[in-house]
C-alpha atoms as a PDB file:
ATOM      1  CA  MET A   1     -29.938  11.808   2.135  1.00  0.00           C
ATOM      2  CA  LYS A   2     -28.063   8.640   3.100  1.00  0.00           C
ATOM      3  CA  GLU A   3     -26.801   8.137  -0.474  1.00  0.00           C
ATOM      4  CA  LEU A   4     -25.228  11.614  -0.411  1.00  0.00           C
ATOM      5  CA  PHE A   5     -23.167  10.927   2.720  1.00  0.00           C
ATOM      6  CA  PRO A   6     -19.655   9.714   1.763  1.00  0.00           C
ATOM      7  CA  ALA A   7     -19.471   6.875   4.304  1.00  0.00           C
ATOM      8  CA  LYS A   8     -16.977   4.868   2.233  1.00  0.00           C
ATOM      9  CA  GLN A   9     -14.565   7.803   1.992  1.00  0.00           C
ATOM     10  CA  ILE A  10     -14.860   8.629   5.694  1.00  0.00           C
ATOM     11  CA  MET A  11     -14.204   5.024   6.692  1.00  0.00           C
ATOM     12  CA  GLY A  12     -11.229   4.967   4.307  1.00  0.00           C
ATOM     13  CA  PHE A  13      -9.903   8.151   5.873  1.00  0.00           C
ATOM     14  CA  VAL A  14     -10.282   6.750   9.414  1.00  0.00           C
ATOM     15  CA  PHE A  15      -8.585   3.499   8.412  1.00  0.00           C
ATOM     16  CA  SER A  16      -5.821   5.519   6.781  1.00  0.00           C
ATOM     17  CA  LEU A  17      -5.304   7.422  10.033  1.00  0.00           C
ATOM     18  CA  ILE A  18      -5.143   4.140  11.953  1.00  0.00           C
ATOM     19  CA  LEU A  19      -2.508   2.775   9.563  1.00  0.00           C
ATOM     20  CA  THR A  20      -0.505   5.973   9.948  1.00  0.00           C
ATOM     21  CA  ALA A  21      -0.707   5.689  13.748  1.00  0.00           C
ATOM     22  CA  VAL A  22       0.517   2.082  13.570  1.00  0.00           C
ATOM     23  CA  ALA A  23       3.452   3.141  11.397  1.00  0.00           C
ATOM     24  CA  LEU A  24       4.226   5.995  13.794  1.00  0.00           C
ATOM     25  CA  ALA A  25       4.075   3.609  16.755  1.00  0.00           C
ATOM     26  CA  VAL A  26       6.949   1.657  15.201  1.00  0.00           C
ATOM     27  CA  TYR A  27       9.098   4.728  15.715  1.00  0.00           C
ATOM     28  CA  PHE A  28       8.142   5.221  19.354  1.00  0.00           C
ATOM     29  CA  LEU A  29       8.142   1.562  20.451  1.00  0.00           C
ATOM     30  CA  ASP A  30      11.347  -0.301  21.003  1.00  0.00           C
ATOM     31  CA  LEU A  31      10.971  -2.944  18.301  1.00  0.00           C
ATOM     32  CA  SER A  32      13.656  -4.966  16.626  1.00  0.00           C
ATOM     33  CA  PHE A  33      14.734  -3.874  13.173  1.00  0.00           C
ATOM     34  CA  SER A  34      13.104  -6.776  11.364  1.00  0.00           C
ATOM     35  CA  ALA A  35       9.793  -6.449  13.248  1.00  0.00           C
ATOM     36  CA  GLY A  36       9.636  -2.706  12.647  1.00  0.00           C
ATOM     37  CA  LEU A  37      10.508  -3.048   8.980  1.00  0.00           C
ATOM     38  CA  THR A  38       7.906  -5.783   8.505  1.00  0.00           C
ATOM     39  CA  ILE A  39       5.186  -3.652  10.105  1.00  0.00           C
ATOM     40  CA  LEU A  40       6.169  -0.629   8.016  1.00  0.00           C
ATOM     41  CA  ILE A  41       6.162  -2.578   4.747  1.00  0.00           C
ATOM     42  CA  VAL A  42       2.776  -4.174   5.462  1.00  0.00           C
ATOM     43  CA  THR A  43       1.168  -0.879   6.483  1.00  0.00           C
ATOM     44  CA  ALA A  44       2.649   0.853   3.424  1.00  0.00           C
ATOM     45  CA  PHE A  45       1.176  -1.689   1.011  1.00  0.00           C
ATOM     46  CA  VAL A  46      -2.214  -1.689   2.743  1.00  0.00           C
ATOM     47  CA  GLN A  47      -2.204   2.119   2.701  1.00  0.00           C
ATOM     48  CA  ALA A  48      -1.385   2.180  -1.017  1.00  0.00           C
ATOM     49  CA  LEU A  49      -4.184  -0.282  -1.809  1.00  0.00           C
ATOM     50  CA  LEU A  50      -6.601   1.696   0.332  1.00  0.00           C
ATOM     51  CA  GLN A  51      -5.725   4.912  -1.484  1.00  0.00           C
ATOM     52  CA  LEU A  52      -6.087   3.218  -4.875  1.00  0.00           C
ATOM     53  CA  ILE A  53      -9.435   1.590  -4.192  1.00  0.00           C
ATOM     54  CA  VAL A  54     -11.227   4.116  -1.975  1.00  0.00           C
ATOM     55  CA  PHE A  55      -9.920   7.514  -2.999  1.00  0.00           C
ATOM     56  CA  MET A  56      -8.891   6.944  -6.613  1.00  0.00           C
ATOM     57  CA  HIS A  57     -12.076   4.942  -7.349  1.00  0.00           C
ATOM     58  CA  ALA A  58     -10.229   2.146  -9.146  1.00  0.00           C
ATOM     59  CA  GLY A  59     -13.020  -0.393  -8.772  1.00  0.00           C
ATOM     60  CA  GLU A  60     -15.893   1.843  -9.841  1.00  0.00           C
ATOM     61  CA  THR A  61     -15.270   1.903 -13.568  1.00  0.00           C
ATOM     62  CA  LYS A  62     -16.414  -0.533 -16.231  1.00  0.00           C
ATOM     63  CA  ASP A  63     -12.846  -1.553 -17.065  1.00  0.00           C
ATOM     64  CA  LYS A  64     -11.638  -2.052 -13.501  1.00  0.00           C
ATOM     65  CA  TRP A  65      -9.686  -5.193 -14.403  1.00  0.00           C
ATOM     66  CA  SER A  66      -7.496  -3.254 -16.799  1.00  0.00           C
ATOM     67  CA  ILE A  67      -6.674  -0.848 -13.971  1.00  0.00           C
ATOM     68  CA  TYR A  68      -5.889  -3.733 -11.618  1.00  0.00           C
ATOM     69  CA  GLY A  69      -3.858  -5.397 -14.377  1.00  0.00           C
ATOM     70  CA  ASN A  70      -1.772  -2.256 -14.735  1.00  0.00           C
ATOM     71  CA  VAL A  71      -1.184  -2.218 -10.976  1.00  0.00           C
ATOM     72  CA  TYR A  72      -0.092  -5.880 -11.021  1.00  0.00           C
ATOM     73  CA  PHE A  73       2.266  -5.134 -13.911  1.00  0.00           C
ATOM     74  CA  MET A  74       3.662  -2.124 -12.036  1.00  0.00           C
ATOM     75  CA  VAL A  75       4.330  -4.247  -8.937  1.00  0.00           C
ATOM     76  CA  PHE A  76       5.963  -6.915 -11.103  1.00  0.00           C
ATOM     77  CA  ILE A  77       8.278  -4.380 -12.744  1.00  0.00           C
ATOM     78  CA  ALA A  78       9.156  -2.884  -9.339  1.00  0.00           C
ATOM     79  CA  LEU A  79      10.014  -6.316  -7.911  1.00  0.00           C
ATOM     80  CA  VAL A  80      12.114  -7.222 -10.967  1.00  0.00           C
ATOM     81  CA  THR A  81      13.980  -3.920 -10.620  1.00  0.00           C
ATOM     82  CA  ILE A  82      14.587  -4.358  -6.888  1.00  0.00           C
ATOM     83  CA  PHE A  83      15.669  -7.997  -7.034  1.00  0.00           C
ATOM     84  CA  GLY A  84      17.661  -7.417 -10.225  1.00  0.00           C
ATOM     85  CA  THR A  85      19.571  -4.636  -8.504  1.00  0.00           C
ATOM     86  CA  LEU A  86      20.185  -6.848  -5.467  1.00  0.00           C
ATOM     87  CA  PHE A  87      21.317  -9.659  -7.761  1.00  0.00           C
ATOM     88  CA  LEU A  88      23.807  -7.416  -9.521  1.00  0.00           C
ATOM     89  CA  PHE A  89      25.189  -5.409  -6.622  1.00  0.00           C
ATOM     90  CA  LEU A  90      25.036  -7.687  -3.591  1.00  0.00           C
ATOM     91  CA  TRP A  91      25.562 -11.084  -5.104  1.00  0.00           C
ATOM     92  CA  ASP A  92      28.123  -9.809  -7.631  1.00  0.00           C
ATOM     93  CA  MET A  93      26.813 -11.703 -10.640  1.00  0.00           C
END
């Protein structure tokens, strides 16, 4: 019966709730802009990784490294887009 109980998913759900509470606490606490933004960015990335690994079962397939490779490529493209936009618009190059 123990193998039928979804302990991994329940722990992921509880950790997801904790991360959401931390992000909500940024709103209610009087934090500086940079501290609040740092906490929100870190919790957002941890939440996204948690969703990918626990609930989307990314590590349970035989070709898990191709899935992780696609995620790394996606993050790379997002960072190039963000910093390329900043380079063009803010630094006027």
